[in-house]
N, C-alpha and C. Protein backbone atom coordinates (compact mmCIF):
# COMPACT_ATOMS: atom_id res chain seq x y z
N MET A 1 -6.16 -56.63 116.88
CA MET A 1 -6.96 -56.06 115.77
C MET A 1 -6.07 -56.08 114.50
N THR A 2 -6.50 -56.58 113.44
CA THR A 2 -5.69 -56.70 112.23
C THR A 2 -5.86 -55.45 111.42
N LEU A 3 -4.86 -55.40 110.43
CA LEU A 3 -4.84 -54.15 109.61
C LEU A 3 -6.09 -54.08 108.69
N GLU A 4 -6.68 -55.17 108.34
CA GLU A 4 -7.90 -55.08 107.65
C GLU A 4 -9.01 -54.50 108.26
N TRP A 5 -9.20 -54.76 109.59
CA TRP A 5 -10.21 -54.14 110.33
C TRP A 5 -10.04 -52.65 110.56
N ILE A 6 -8.74 -52.24 110.75
CA ILE A 6 -8.42 -50.87 110.92
C ILE A 6 -8.86 -50.13 109.63
N ARG A 7 -8.46 -50.68 108.46
CA ARG A 7 -8.86 -50.10 107.15
C ARG A 7 -10.31 -50.05 107.01
N PHE A 8 -11.00 -51.12 107.45
CA PHE A 8 -12.54 -51.15 107.30
C PHE A 8 -13.15 -50.04 108.17
N TYR A 9 -12.68 -49.87 109.35
CA TYR A 9 -13.26 -48.75 110.20
C TYR A 9 -12.92 -47.40 109.70
N MET A 10 -11.72 -47.21 109.17
CA MET A 10 -11.37 -45.89 108.65
C MET A 10 -12.12 -45.69 107.34
N THR A 11 -12.37 -46.69 106.50
CA THR A 11 -13.26 -46.48 105.21
C THR A 11 -14.66 -46.20 105.67
N ALA A 12 -15.12 -46.89 106.66
CA ALA A 12 -16.53 -46.59 107.11
C ALA A 12 -16.72 -45.17 107.65
N ALA A 13 -15.67 -44.76 108.36
CA ALA A 13 -15.78 -43.36 108.99
C ALA A 13 -15.82 -42.33 107.78
N PHE A 14 -14.86 -42.43 106.90
CA PHE A 14 -14.78 -41.54 105.78
C PHE A 14 -16.02 -41.50 104.94
N ILE A 15 -16.55 -42.67 104.63
CA ILE A 15 -17.85 -42.70 103.86
C ILE A 15 -18.97 -42.19 104.62
N THR A 16 -19.01 -42.33 105.92
CA THR A 16 -20.06 -41.83 106.70
C THR A 16 -19.97 -40.28 106.75
N ILE A 17 -18.79 -39.69 106.81
CA ILE A 17 -18.67 -38.29 106.80
C ILE A 17 -19.07 -37.83 105.43
N ALA A 18 -18.70 -38.47 104.43
CA ALA A 18 -19.18 -38.08 103.03
C ALA A 18 -20.61 -38.06 102.87
N LEU A 19 -21.30 -39.15 103.28
CA LEU A 19 -22.74 -39.19 103.24
C LEU A 19 -23.42 -38.11 104.01
N SER A 20 -22.88 -37.80 105.14
CA SER A 20 -23.40 -36.70 106.02
C SER A 20 -23.17 -35.35 105.26
N GLY A 21 -22.07 -35.13 104.63
CA GLY A 21 -21.78 -33.92 103.86
C GLY A 21 -22.77 -33.81 102.68
N PHE A 22 -23.09 -34.91 101.97
CA PHE A 22 -24.08 -34.95 100.90
C PHE A 22 -25.41 -34.52 101.42
N ALA A 23 -25.77 -35.13 102.57
CA ALA A 23 -27.10 -34.88 103.19
C ALA A 23 -27.26 -33.34 103.60
N PHE A 24 -26.19 -32.83 104.14
CA PHE A 24 -26.18 -31.41 104.43
C PHE A 24 -26.26 -30.47 103.23
N ALA A 25 -25.64 -30.84 102.12
CA ALA A 25 -25.63 -30.10 100.88
C ALA A 25 -27.07 -30.11 100.27
N VAL A 26 -27.64 -31.35 100.34
CA VAL A 26 -29.07 -31.44 99.91
C VAL A 26 -30.02 -30.56 100.67
N ALA A 27 -29.85 -30.66 102.10
CA ALA A 27 -30.64 -29.77 102.90
C ALA A 27 -30.43 -28.30 102.73
N GLY A 28 -29.16 -27.92 102.42
CA GLY A 28 -28.91 -26.50 102.12
C GLY A 28 -29.50 -26.03 100.77
N VAL A 29 -29.51 -26.88 99.77
CA VAL A 29 -30.06 -26.59 98.54
C VAL A 29 -31.54 -26.46 98.62
N TRP A 30 -32.16 -27.29 99.45
CA TRP A 30 -33.59 -27.35 99.61
C TRP A 30 -34.08 -26.18 100.48
N ARG A 31 -33.19 -25.74 101.53
CA ARG A 31 -33.65 -24.73 102.42
C ARG A 31 -33.44 -23.33 101.98
N PHE A 32 -32.32 -22.97 101.35
CA PHE A 32 -32.00 -21.62 100.98
C PHE A 32 -32.92 -21.03 100.03
N ASP A 33 -33.15 -19.70 100.07
CA ASP A 33 -34.01 -19.03 99.12
C ASP A 33 -33.41 -18.61 97.82
N TYR A 34 -32.25 -17.96 97.92
CA TYR A 34 -31.62 -17.46 96.73
C TYR A 34 -30.83 -18.47 96.07
N ILE A 35 -30.73 -18.35 94.77
CA ILE A 35 -30.08 -19.31 93.88
C ILE A 35 -28.57 -19.36 94.18
N LEU A 36 -27.98 -18.27 94.50
CA LEU A 36 -26.55 -18.22 94.79
C LEU A 36 -26.26 -19.00 96.07
N ASN A 37 -27.09 -18.91 97.07
CA ASN A 37 -26.89 -19.61 98.29
C ASN A 37 -27.02 -21.07 98.00
N ARG A 38 -28.00 -21.45 97.22
CA ARG A 38 -28.25 -22.90 96.86
C ARG A 38 -26.98 -23.42 96.12
N MET A 39 -26.47 -22.66 95.19
CA MET A 39 -25.26 -23.12 94.39
C MET A 39 -24.08 -23.22 95.33
N HIS A 40 -23.94 -22.32 96.31
CA HIS A 40 -22.88 -22.35 97.21
C HIS A 40 -22.94 -23.74 98.12
N ALA A 41 -24.14 -23.92 98.57
CA ALA A 41 -24.30 -25.19 99.43
C ALA A 41 -24.00 -26.42 98.58
N GLY A 42 -24.52 -26.43 97.39
CA GLY A 42 -24.29 -27.63 96.56
C GLY A 42 -22.80 -27.77 96.19
N GLY A 43 -22.17 -26.64 95.83
CA GLY A 43 -20.77 -26.77 95.51
C GLY A 43 -19.89 -27.15 96.59
N ILE A 44 -20.05 -26.59 97.78
CA ILE A 44 -19.23 -26.94 98.95
C ILE A 44 -19.45 -28.36 99.33
N GLY A 45 -20.71 -28.75 99.35
CA GLY A 45 -21.09 -30.17 99.65
C GLY A 45 -20.46 -31.11 98.63
N ASP A 46 -20.43 -30.68 97.44
CA ASP A 46 -19.93 -31.54 96.37
C ASP A 46 -18.44 -31.78 96.53
N THR A 47 -17.64 -30.80 96.72
CA THR A 47 -16.20 -30.92 96.90
C THR A 47 -15.80 -31.64 98.15
N PHE A 48 -16.47 -31.13 99.21
CA PHE A 48 -16.15 -31.69 100.56
C PHE A 48 -16.48 -33.18 100.65
N SER A 49 -17.65 -33.54 100.20
CA SER A 49 -18.15 -34.90 100.29
C SER A 49 -17.40 -35.92 99.36
N LEU A 50 -17.05 -35.33 98.15
CA LEU A 50 -16.36 -36.09 97.22
C LEU A 50 -14.96 -36.47 97.73
N PHE A 51 -14.36 -35.50 98.40
CA PHE A 51 -13.02 -35.76 98.96
C PHE A 51 -13.04 -36.83 99.99
N PHE A 52 -14.02 -36.84 100.86
CA PHE A 52 -14.11 -37.90 101.86
C PHE A 52 -14.52 -39.21 101.32
N LEU A 53 -15.36 -39.25 100.31
CA LEU A 53 -15.77 -40.45 99.70
C LEU A 53 -14.60 -41.17 98.97
N VAL A 54 -13.91 -40.40 98.21
CA VAL A 54 -12.79 -41.01 97.45
C VAL A 54 -11.71 -41.40 98.32
N THR A 55 -11.42 -40.61 99.42
CA THR A 55 -10.36 -40.95 100.38
C THR A 55 -10.75 -42.25 101.06
N GLY A 56 -12.00 -42.49 101.45
CA GLY A 56 -12.42 -43.72 102.07
C GLY A 56 -12.21 -44.81 101.15
N LEU A 57 -12.53 -44.63 99.85
CA LEU A 57 -12.43 -45.74 98.85
C LEU A 57 -10.94 -46.01 98.62
N MET A 58 -10.05 -44.98 98.61
CA MET A 58 -8.64 -45.19 98.48
C MET A 58 -8.00 -45.99 99.66
N ILE A 59 -8.54 -45.75 100.83
CA ILE A 59 -8.02 -46.51 102.11
C ILE A 59 -8.45 -47.94 101.87
N SER A 60 -9.64 -48.30 101.34
CA SER A 60 -10.00 -49.69 101.22
C SER A 60 -9.39 -50.33 100.03
N ALA A 61 -8.81 -49.57 99.09
CA ALA A 61 -8.20 -50.13 97.88
C ALA A 61 -6.90 -50.74 98.17
N SER A 62 -6.63 -51.98 97.60
CA SER A 62 -5.32 -52.58 97.92
C SER A 62 -4.35 -52.39 96.76
N ALA A 63 -4.74 -52.25 95.57
CA ALA A 63 -3.83 -52.14 94.41
C ALA A 63 -3.49 -50.61 94.20
N PRO A 64 -2.25 -50.31 94.02
CA PRO A 64 -1.88 -48.86 93.72
C PRO A 64 -2.55 -48.26 92.45
N ILE A 65 -2.76 -49.10 91.43
CA ILE A 65 -3.42 -48.58 90.24
C ILE A 65 -4.86 -48.18 90.57
N VAL A 66 -5.58 -48.91 91.53
CA VAL A 66 -6.99 -48.43 91.82
C VAL A 66 -6.84 -47.08 92.55
N ILE A 67 -5.95 -46.91 93.34
CA ILE A 67 -5.74 -45.57 94.07
C ILE A 67 -5.55 -44.53 93.06
N VAL A 68 -4.68 -44.71 92.08
CA VAL A 68 -4.49 -43.73 91.02
C VAL A 68 -5.80 -43.45 90.17
N LYS A 69 -6.50 -44.53 89.87
CA LYS A 69 -7.75 -44.37 89.14
C LYS A 69 -8.78 -43.64 89.96
N LEU A 70 -8.79 -43.75 91.20
CA LEU A 70 -9.68 -42.91 92.08
C LEU A 70 -9.25 -41.51 92.26
N LEU A 71 -7.95 -41.33 92.30
CA LEU A 71 -7.42 -39.92 92.42
C LEU A 71 -7.57 -39.06 91.22
N LEU A 72 -7.57 -39.58 90.05
CA LEU A 72 -7.63 -38.80 88.83
C LEU A 72 -9.00 -38.21 88.71
N PRO A 73 -10.13 -38.89 88.87
CA PRO A 73 -11.44 -38.20 88.82
C PRO A 73 -11.63 -37.18 89.88
N LEU A 74 -11.12 -37.53 91.13
CA LEU A 74 -11.11 -36.53 92.18
C LEU A 74 -10.51 -35.17 91.83
N LEU A 75 -9.29 -35.35 91.20
CA LEU A 75 -8.68 -34.05 90.80
C LEU A 75 -9.41 -33.33 89.70
N PHE A 76 -10.05 -34.08 88.75
CA PHE A 76 -10.85 -33.48 87.82
C PHE A 76 -12.02 -32.78 88.33
N MET A 77 -12.66 -33.41 89.31
CA MET A 77 -13.89 -32.78 89.85
C MET A 77 -13.48 -31.60 90.76
N TRP A 78 -12.40 -31.63 91.37
CA TRP A 78 -11.97 -30.51 92.18
C TRP A 78 -11.71 -29.19 91.39
N PHE A 79 -11.25 -29.45 90.14
CA PHE A 79 -10.95 -28.35 89.28
C PHE A 79 -12.18 -27.88 88.48
N SER A 80 -13.03 -28.85 88.12
CA SER A 80 -14.07 -28.47 87.13
C SER A 80 -15.39 -28.05 88.00
N SER A 81 -15.60 -28.63 89.12
CA SER A 81 -16.90 -28.32 89.85
C SER A 81 -16.95 -26.82 90.30
N PRO A 82 -15.93 -26.35 90.97
CA PRO A 82 -15.88 -24.91 91.39
C PRO A 82 -15.95 -23.96 90.27
N THR A 83 -15.24 -24.35 89.11
CA THR A 83 -15.28 -23.46 88.03
C THR A 83 -16.63 -23.40 87.37
N ALA A 84 -17.30 -24.58 87.20
CA ALA A 84 -18.61 -24.52 86.68
C ALA A 84 -19.58 -23.81 87.55
N THR A 85 -19.47 -23.98 88.92
CA THR A 85 -20.39 -23.24 89.82
C THR A 85 -20.15 -21.79 89.73
N HIS A 86 -18.91 -21.36 89.55
CA HIS A 86 -18.60 -19.91 89.41
C HIS A 86 -19.20 -19.35 88.13
N PHE A 87 -19.06 -20.05 87.06
CA PHE A 87 -19.63 -19.54 85.84
C PHE A 87 -21.14 -19.47 85.85
N LEU A 88 -21.79 -20.54 86.42
CA LEU A 88 -23.21 -20.47 86.54
C LEU A 88 -23.69 -19.36 87.52
N SER A 89 -23.06 -19.12 88.58
CA SER A 89 -23.40 -17.99 89.47
C SER A 89 -23.17 -16.65 88.85
N GLN A 90 -22.13 -16.47 88.01
CA GLN A 90 -21.96 -15.21 87.30
C GLN A 90 -23.04 -14.96 86.24
N THR A 91 -23.47 -16.06 85.64
CA THR A 91 -24.56 -15.94 84.70
C THR A 91 -25.88 -15.49 85.39
N GLU A 92 -26.14 -16.10 86.51
CA GLU A 92 -27.31 -15.78 87.30
C GLU A 92 -27.21 -14.42 87.82
N TYR A 93 -26.11 -13.94 88.20
CA TYR A 93 -25.89 -12.59 88.82
C TYR A 93 -26.22 -11.53 87.72
N TYR A 94 -25.67 -11.71 86.55
CA TYR A 94 -25.78 -10.69 85.49
C TYR A 94 -27.08 -10.73 84.75
N THR A 95 -27.86 -11.89 84.77
CA THR A 95 -29.03 -12.00 83.96
C THR A 95 -30.35 -11.80 84.78
N ASN A 96 -30.27 -12.08 86.08
CA ASN A 96 -31.53 -11.96 86.92
C ASN A 96 -31.52 -10.51 87.51
N VAL A 97 -32.52 -9.78 87.03
CA VAL A 97 -32.58 -8.35 87.33
C VAL A 97 -33.00 -8.21 88.88
N HIS A 98 -33.85 -9.04 89.37
CA HIS A 98 -34.28 -8.96 90.79
C HIS A 98 -33.09 -9.28 91.68
N LEU A 99 -32.26 -10.30 91.31
CA LEU A 99 -31.09 -10.64 92.09
C LEU A 99 -30.11 -9.52 92.14
N PHE A 100 -29.84 -8.86 90.97
CA PHE A 100 -28.91 -7.76 90.93
C PHE A 100 -29.36 -6.59 91.75
N GLU A 101 -30.71 -6.32 91.73
CA GLU A 101 -31.18 -5.25 92.61
C GLU A 101 -31.04 -5.62 94.13
N HIS A 102 -31.27 -6.82 94.47
CA HIS A 102 -31.21 -7.32 95.80
C HIS A 102 -29.70 -7.16 96.30
N VAL A 103 -28.78 -7.55 95.54
CA VAL A 103 -27.38 -7.46 95.94
C VAL A 103 -26.92 -5.99 95.99
N LYS A 104 -27.44 -5.18 95.08
CA LYS A 104 -27.09 -3.72 95.10
C LYS A 104 -27.61 -3.07 96.33
N LYS A 105 -28.90 -3.39 96.71
CA LYS A 105 -29.39 -2.92 98.02
C LYS A 105 -28.50 -3.26 99.27
N LYS A 106 -28.05 -4.59 99.21
CA LYS A 106 -27.33 -5.06 100.40
C LYS A 106 -25.98 -4.34 100.44
N ILE A 107 -25.37 -4.07 99.29
CA ILE A 107 -24.11 -3.44 99.28
C ILE A 107 -24.19 -1.98 99.70
N SER A 108 -25.19 -1.27 99.18
CA SER A 108 -25.33 0.18 99.50
C SER A 108 -25.87 0.36 100.91
N GLY A 109 -26.37 -0.73 101.65
CA GLY A 109 -26.87 -0.57 102.94
C GLY A 109 -28.32 -0.17 103.08
N GLU A 110 -29.03 -0.25 102.00
CA GLU A 110 -30.43 0.03 101.91
C GLU A 110 -31.38 -1.06 102.31
N SER A 111 -30.89 -2.01 103.02
CA SER A 111 -31.72 -3.18 103.37
C SER A 111 -32.83 -2.82 104.25
N ASN A 112 -33.89 -3.50 104.32
CA ASN A 112 -35.05 -3.16 105.10
C ASN A 112 -35.08 -3.86 106.44
N GLY A 113 -33.95 -4.10 106.98
CA GLY A 113 -33.85 -4.70 108.34
C GLY A 113 -33.77 -6.19 108.34
N HIS A 114 -33.63 -6.83 107.26
CA HIS A 114 -33.48 -8.33 107.13
C HIS A 114 -32.07 -8.76 107.19
């Protein structure tokens, strides 16, 4: 087995894992009820899947400059995506009265058995 075939199978495995992660993130965003749960599923799926997708593409790349060009957007997304998700969730937490009351009940232990 040559090196090209090993790289091909490793790339295929990483991209398959990434596509599965994106599919689970979409299912989580679609299934969960609360906006914060949806944002968490989307944010985790985004960073997890993006890592595996770019890693698979870096394995298949042959030129070092291509690897650097793939690594820079990955680093940018790793820093900007969780930060943006955090700011959006803080906005939702402080502006949605019903969500604030729900979280306050959960913290104080006044839940109705759910």
